[in-house]
Structures are given as structure tokens and as C-alpha cells.
Amino acid sequence: MVTLNCVFLCHNSKTVCNMADLSIIVSEIELKLRKLLDEKQRLAVENKRLAEENATLEKENLALRQSATELQDKINKSTIVNALDNEGEIEEGRKLIKELVREIDQCVSILNSKE
């Protein structure tokens, strides 16, 4: 069996490399390239998943904002209604006070007439 023993000058290290060394270097480069391609694929899948999750969360966020706006409107309406109810109660209170003042005036008039 004849073995080819070629000698090359390695560019970076400026040392002499034989074919076996070059084969190992190429194998290592191929391994690193496969790892990089696998990592790229994994990151692409994760990126797609995150984009889908982001879209879902954006929809949920929009729905929650709309719900919050609707609830705030309900609170505002309820506050207005309560204020109007309170005004009615205030008016009733004023009427009651006027009636009591009239009764007091009548009592004072009666007391004054007896003197």
C-alpha cells in the first residue's frame, strides 16, 4: 500500500502540515459547521415560537385594554348615576329641613302668642 505523504505549508501557523493533519483540521471544521447549522436551526425554531407567542400576547393585551376601557366607562356611568341619586337624597333632605323649620317657626309663633 502506497501512502501519499504530501507536505503543505499551513498559512496561519507557518508550519509544515501533512495530509493527515489537514484531514483532521477539515473534520474539525466540518463538526463546528454542523454545530453552527444545528444552532441556527434551533434558534430559527425558537424565534418562530417567540414570534407566535408575542402575537398571542399582543392580542390578549389588546383585549384586556378594551375590557379595562369598558369597565372604566361602567365605573364612570355608575359614579354619575350615584351622584344623581345623591342629589335626589340631598333635595329630599332639604325638603325635610324646610318642613322642620316651618314646624319650629309655628312652635315659636305659638309660644310668642301665649306671652
N, C-alpha and C. Protein backbone atom coordinates (compact mmCIF):
# COMPACT_ATOMS: atom_id res chain seq x y z
N MET A 1 0.83 -1.16 0.00
CA MET A 1 0.00 0.00 0.00
C MET A 1 0.88 1.23 0.00
N VAL A 2 0.48 2.15 -0.89
CA VAL A 2 1.29 3.36 -1.03
C VAL A 2 0.58 4.49 -0.30
N THR A 3 1.29 5.17 0.53
CA THR A 3 0.70 6.32 1.25
C THR A 3 1.29 7.57 0.65
N LEU A 4 0.34 8.46 0.38
CA LEU A 4 0.80 9.76 -0.11
C LEU A 4 1.10 10.63 1.09
N ASN A 5 2.27 11.08 1.13
CA ASN A 5 2.64 11.95 2.22
C ASN A 5 2.99 13.29 1.63
N CYS A 6 1.97 14.11 1.51
CA CYS A 6 2.18 15.44 0.94
C CYS A 6 2.44 16.40 2.08
N VAL A 7 3.26 17.32 1.84
CA VAL A 7 3.59 18.30 2.85
C VAL A 7 3.10 19.65 2.36
N PHE A 8 2.40 20.37 3.25
CA PHE A 8 1.88 21.69 2.92
C PHE A 8 2.38 22.69 3.94
N LEU A 9 2.49 23.88 3.52
CA LEU A 9 2.83 24.95 4.44
C LEU A 9 1.51 25.54 4.91
N CYS A 10 1.21 25.38 6.19
CA CYS A 10 -0.04 25.92 6.74
C CYS A 10 0.09 27.43 6.80
N HIS A 11 -0.91 28.07 6.28
CA HIS A 11 -0.87 29.53 6.11
C HIS A 11 -0.76 30.29 7.43
N ASN A 12 -1.61 29.98 8.40
CA ASN A 12 -1.65 30.76 9.64
C ASN A 12 -0.46 30.51 10.55
N SER A 13 -0.15 29.25 10.71
CA SER A 13 0.89 28.93 11.68
C SER A 13 2.28 28.89 11.05
N LYS A 14 2.33 28.90 9.76
CA LYS A 14 3.60 28.85 9.02
C LYS A 14 4.44 27.64 9.45
N THR A 15 3.67 26.54 9.67
CA THR A 15 4.36 25.29 9.98
C THR A 15 4.05 24.30 8.89
N VAL A 16 4.74 23.25 8.87
CA VAL A 16 4.55 22.22 7.86
C VAL A 16 3.47 21.26 8.34
N CYS A 17 2.45 21.02 7.52
CA CYS A 17 1.36 20.10 7.85
C CYS A 17 1.32 19.00 6.81
N ASN A 18 1.05 17.80 7.23
CA ASN A 18 0.90 16.72 6.27
C ASN A 18 -0.59 16.51 6.00
N MET A 19 -0.93 15.61 5.12
CA MET A 19 -2.32 15.36 4.71
C MET A 19 -3.16 14.89 5.89
N ALA A 20 -2.62 14.12 6.78
CA ALA A 20 -3.36 13.61 7.93
C ALA A 20 -3.77 14.78 8.82
N ASP A 21 -2.85 15.71 9.02
CA ASP A 21 -3.18 16.89 9.83
C ASP A 21 -4.28 17.71 9.17
N LEU A 22 -4.17 17.87 7.86
CA LEU A 22 -5.19 18.64 7.14
C LEU A 22 -6.54 17.94 7.21
N SER A 23 -6.56 16.63 7.14
CA SER A 23 -7.80 15.87 7.23
C SER A 23 -8.46 16.09 8.59
N ILE A 24 -7.66 16.11 9.64
CA ILE A 24 -8.18 16.35 10.99
C ILE A 24 -8.75 17.76 11.10
N ILE A 25 -8.03 18.71 10.55
CA ILE A 25 -8.48 20.11 10.58
C ILE A 25 -9.80 20.26 9.83
N VAL A 26 -9.89 19.64 8.65
CA VAL A 26 -11.12 19.71 7.86
C VAL A 26 -12.27 19.05 8.62
N SER A 27 -12.01 17.92 9.28
CA SER A 27 -13.04 17.24 10.06
C SER A 27 -13.52 18.13 11.20
N GLU A 28 -12.58 18.78 11.85
CA GLU A 28 -12.96 19.69 12.94
C GLU A 28 -13.80 20.85 12.43
N ILE A 29 -13.43 21.37 11.29
CA ILE A 29 -14.20 22.47 10.69
C ILE A 29 -15.60 21.99 10.33
N GLU A 30 -15.68 20.79 9.75
CA GLU A 30 -17.00 20.23 9.40
C GLU A 30 -17.86 20.06 10.65
N LEU A 31 -17.28 19.58 11.74
CA LEU A 31 -18.00 19.39 13.00
C LEU A 31 -18.52 20.73 13.53
N LYS A 32 -17.66 21.72 13.54
CA LYS A 32 -18.05 23.05 14.02
C LYS A 32 -19.15 23.64 13.13
N LEU A 33 -19.03 23.41 11.81
CA LEU A 33 -20.05 23.90 10.89
C LEU A 33 -21.39 23.24 11.15
N ARG A 34 -21.38 21.91 11.39
CA ARG A 34 -22.62 21.20 11.70
C ARG A 34 -23.25 21.74 12.99
N LYS A 35 -22.40 21.98 13.99
CA LYS A 35 -22.90 22.53 15.25
C LYS A 35 -23.53 23.91 15.03
N LEU A 36 -22.87 24.73 14.23
CA LEU A 36 -23.41 26.06 13.94
C LEU A 36 -24.74 25.99 13.18
N LEU A 37 -24.82 25.06 12.22
CA LEU A 37 -26.07 24.90 11.47
C LEU A 37 -27.19 24.38 12.37
N ASP A 38 -26.87 23.46 13.27
CA ASP A 38 -27.87 22.96 14.22
C ASP A 38 -28.34 24.09 15.13
N GLU A 39 -27.40 24.88 15.60
CA GLU A 39 -27.75 26.01 16.48
C GLU A 39 -28.61 27.03 15.72
N LYS A 40 -28.27 27.26 14.46
CA LYS A 40 -29.06 28.18 13.64
C LYS A 40 -30.49 27.66 13.49
N GLN A 41 -30.63 26.37 13.26
CA GLN A 41 -31.95 25.75 13.11
C GLN A 41 -32.74 25.86 14.43
N ARG A 42 -32.06 25.56 15.54
CA ARG A 42 -32.72 25.64 16.85
C ARG A 42 -33.19 27.08 17.13
N LEU A 43 -32.33 28.04 16.81
CA LEU A 43 -32.69 29.45 17.05
C LEU A 43 -33.82 29.90 16.13
N ALA A 44 -33.86 29.38 14.91
CA ALA A 44 -34.95 29.73 13.99
C ALA A 44 -36.28 29.20 14.53
N VAL A 45 -36.28 27.98 15.06
CA VAL A 45 -37.50 27.40 15.64
C VAL A 45 -37.93 28.21 16.86
N GLU A 46 -36.96 28.54 17.71
CA GLU A 46 -37.28 29.32 18.91
C GLU A 46 -37.79 30.71 18.53
N ASN A 47 -37.18 31.31 17.53
CA ASN A 47 -37.60 32.64 17.07
C ASN A 47 -39.04 32.59 16.56
N LYS A 48 -39.39 31.56 15.81
CA LYS A 48 -40.75 31.41 15.30
C LYS A 48 -41.73 31.25 16.47
N ARG A 49 -41.36 30.41 17.44
CA ARG A 49 -42.23 30.19 18.61
C ARG A 49 -42.44 31.50 19.38
N LEU A 50 -41.36 32.25 19.56
CA LEU A 50 -41.45 33.51 20.29
C LEU A 50 -42.28 34.54 19.54
N ALA A 51 -42.16 34.54 18.21
CA ALA A 51 -42.96 35.47 17.40
C ALA A 51 -44.46 35.14 17.53
N GLU A 52 -44.78 33.83 17.52
CA GLU A 52 -46.18 33.41 17.69
C GLU A 52 -46.68 33.77 19.08
N GLU A 53 -45.84 33.53 20.09
CA GLU A 53 -46.22 33.86 21.47
C GLU A 53 -46.43 35.37 21.61
N ASN A 54 -45.57 36.14 20.98
CA ASN A 54 -45.68 37.60 21.02
C ASN A 54 -46.99 38.06 20.39
N ALA A 55 -47.34 37.48 19.25
CA ALA A 55 -48.60 37.84 18.58
C ALA A 55 -49.80 37.50 19.47
N THR A 56 -49.75 36.34 20.11
CA THR A 56 -50.82 35.93 21.02
C THR A 56 -50.94 36.91 22.19
N LEU A 57 -49.80 37.27 22.76
CA LEU A 57 -49.80 38.19 23.89
C LEU A 57 -50.27 39.59 23.48
N GLU A 58 -49.94 40.00 22.27
CA GLU A 58 -50.41 41.30 21.79
C GLU A 58 -51.93 41.30 21.66
N LYS A 59 -52.50 40.20 21.15
CA LYS A 59 -53.95 40.10 21.04
C LYS A 59 -54.59 40.12 22.43
N GLU A 60 -54.01 39.37 23.35
CA GLU A 60 -54.53 39.32 24.72
C GLU A 60 -54.44 40.71 25.37
N ASN A 61 -53.32 41.39 25.14
CA ASN A 61 -53.13 42.73 25.68
C ASN A 61 -54.20 43.68 25.14
N LEU A 62 -54.46 43.61 23.85
CA LEU A 62 -55.49 44.46 23.24
C LEU A 62 -56.85 44.17 23.85
N ALA A 63 -57.18 42.90 24.00
CA ALA A 63 -58.47 42.52 24.58
C ALA A 63 -58.58 43.03 26.02
N LEU A 64 -57.51 42.92 26.79
CA LEU A 64 -57.53 43.39 28.17
C LEU A 64 -57.65 44.91 28.24
N ARG A 65 -57.01 45.61 27.33
CA ARG A 65 -57.12 47.07 27.29
C ARG A 65 -58.56 47.49 26.97
N GLN A 66 -59.16 46.78 26.01
CA GLN A 66 -60.55 47.09 25.66
C GLN A 66 -61.46 46.81 26.85
N SER A 67 -61.23 45.71 27.52
CA SER A 67 -62.02 45.35 28.70
C SER A 67 -61.85 46.41 29.79
N ALA A 68 -60.63 46.86 29.99
CA ALA A 68 -60.36 47.89 31.01
C ALA A 68 -61.08 49.19 30.65
N THR A 69 -61.09 49.54 29.37
CA THR A 69 -61.78 50.75 28.93
C THR A 69 -63.28 50.62 29.17
N GLU A 70 -63.84 49.46 28.84
CA GLU A 70 -65.27 49.24 29.06
C GLU A 70 -65.61 49.30 30.54
N LEU A 71 -64.78 48.68 31.37
CA LEU A 71 -65.02 48.71 32.82
C LEU A 71 -64.89 50.13 33.37
N GLN A 72 -63.94 50.90 32.86
CA GLN A 72 -63.80 52.29 33.30
C GLN A 72 -65.03 53.09 32.92
N ASP A 73 -65.56 52.84 31.73
CA ASP A 73 -66.80 53.52 31.30
C ASP A 73 -67.95 53.17 32.24
N LYS A 74 -68.05 51.89 32.61
CA LYS A 74 -69.10 51.47 33.54
C LYS A 74 -68.94 52.17 34.89
N ILE A 75 -67.71 52.27 35.36
CA ILE A 75 -67.46 52.95 36.63
C ILE A 75 -67.87 54.42 36.53
N ASN A 76 -67.51 55.06 35.43
CA ASN A 76 -67.87 56.47 35.24
C ASN A 76 -69.38 56.65 35.23
N LYS A 77 -70.09 55.76 34.51
CA LYS A 77 -71.55 55.85 34.46
C LYS A 77 -72.16 55.62 35.83
N SER A 78 -71.63 54.63 36.53
CA SER A 78 -72.12 54.33 37.87
C SER A 78 -71.90 55.52 38.81
N THR A 79 -70.76 56.16 38.69
CA THR A 79 -70.46 57.33 39.52
C THR A 79 -71.45 58.45 39.24
N ILE A 80 -71.76 58.67 37.97
CA ILE A 80 -72.72 59.70 37.59
C ILE A 80 -74.10 59.38 38.14
N VAL A 81 -74.52 58.13 37.99
CA VAL A 81 -75.83 57.70 38.50
C VAL A 81 -75.89 57.88 40.01
N ASN A 82 -74.84 57.47 40.71
CA ASN A 82 -74.80 57.62 42.17
C ASN A 82 -74.85 59.09 42.56
N ALA A 83 -74.15 59.93 41.80
CA ALA A 83 -74.17 61.36 42.09
C ALA A 83 -75.58 61.91 41.92
N LEU A 84 -76.26 61.46 40.87
CA LEU A 84 -77.64 61.92 40.66
C LEU A 84 -78.55 61.42 41.76
N ASP A 85 -78.35 60.17 42.18
CA ASP A 85 -79.13 59.63 43.30
C ASP A 85 -78.87 60.44 44.56
N ASN A 86 -77.63 60.77 44.80
CA ASN A 86 -77.27 61.56 45.98
C ASN A 86 -77.91 62.95 45.92
N GLU A 87 -77.97 63.53 44.71
CA GLU A 87 -78.62 64.83 44.57
C GLU A 87 -80.09 64.72 44.94
N GLY A 88 -80.71 63.62 44.55
CA GLY A 88 -82.11 63.40 44.93
C GLY A 88 -82.25 63.30 46.43
N GLU A 89 -81.33 62.58 47.06
CA GLU A 89 -81.34 62.46 48.51
C GLU A 89 -81.10 63.81 49.16
N ILE A 90 -80.21 64.59 48.60
CA ILE A 90 -79.93 65.92 49.13
C ILE A 90 -81.18 66.79 49.04
N GLU A 91 -81.86 66.72 47.91
CA GLU A 91 -83.08 67.51 47.74
C GLU A 91 -84.14 67.08 48.75
N GLU A 92 -84.28 65.78 48.96
CA GLU A 92 -85.23 65.29 49.96
C GLU A 92 -84.85 65.79 51.34
N GLY A 93 -83.56 65.78 51.65
CA GLY A 93 -83.08 66.30 52.94
C GLY A 93 -83.41 67.77 53.10
N ARG A 94 -83.24 68.55 52.03
CA ARG A 94 -83.57 69.98 52.09
C ARG A 94 -85.05 70.18 52.37
N LYS A 95 -85.89 69.39 51.70
CA LYS A 95 -87.34 69.50 51.93
C LYS A 95 -87.68 69.18 53.38
N LEU A 96 -87.07 68.12 53.90
CA LEU A 96 -87.32 67.73 55.30
C LEU A 96 -86.89 68.84 56.25
N ILE A 97 -85.73 69.45 55.99
CA ILE A 97 -85.25 70.54 56.85
C ILE A 97 -86.20 71.73 56.77
N LYS A 98 -86.69 72.06 55.58
CA LYS A 98 -87.64 73.17 55.43
C LYS A 98 -88.91 72.89 56.22
N GLU A 99 -89.39 71.66 56.17
CA GLU A 99 -90.59 71.30 56.93
C GLU A 99 -90.34 71.43 58.43
N LEU A 100 -89.17 70.97 58.87
CA LEU A 100 -88.83 71.08 60.30
C LEU A 100 -88.73 72.54 60.73
N VAL A 101 -88.13 73.38 59.86
CA VAL A 101 -88.02 74.82 60.17
C VAL A 101 -89.41 75.44 60.27
N ARG A 102 -90.33 75.03 59.38
CA ARG A 102 -91.71 75.54 59.44
C ARG A 102 -92.35 75.15 60.77
N GLU A 103 -92.17 73.88 61.16
CA GLU A 103 -92.74 73.43 62.44
C GLU A 103 -92.16 74.21 63.61
N ILE A 104 -90.85 74.46 63.56
CA ILE A 104 -90.21 75.22 64.63
C ILE A 104 -90.76 76.64 64.65
N ASP A 105 -90.89 77.24 63.45
CA ASP A 105 -91.45 78.59 63.36
C ASP A 105 -92.87 78.62 63.95
N GLN A 106 -93.66 77.59 63.65
CA GLN A 106 -95.02 77.52 64.19
C GLN A 106 -94.98 77.43 65.72
N CYS A 107 -94.07 76.62 66.22
CA CYS A 107 -93.94 76.49 67.69
C CYS A 107 -93.53 77.81 68.31
N VAL A 108 -92.59 78.50 67.68
CA VAL A 108 -92.14 79.79 68.19
C VAL A 108 -93.30 80.78 68.14
N SER A 109 -94.08 80.73 67.07
CA SER A 109 -95.23 81.63 66.93
C SER A 109 -96.25 81.35 68.04
N ILE A 110 -96.46 80.07 68.31
CA ILE A 110 -97.41 79.71 69.36
C ILE A 110 -96.89 80.20 70.72
N LEU A 111 -95.62 80.01 70.98
CA LEU A 111 -95.02 80.47 72.23
C LEU A 111 -95.08 81.99 72.36
N ASN A 112 -94.85 82.67 71.26
CA ASN A 112 -94.91 84.14 71.26
C ASN A 112 -96.34 84.63 71.47
N SER A 113 -97.30 83.95 70.94
CA SER A 113 -98.69 84.36 71.07
C SER A 113 -99.19 84.17 72.50
N LYS A 114 -98.63 83.23 73.25
CA LYS A 114 -99.03 82.97 74.62
C LYS A 114 -98.43 84.00 75.56
N GLU A 115 -97.47 84.68 75.20
CA GLU A 115 -96.85 85.66 76.06
C GLU A 115 -97.64 86.87 76.12
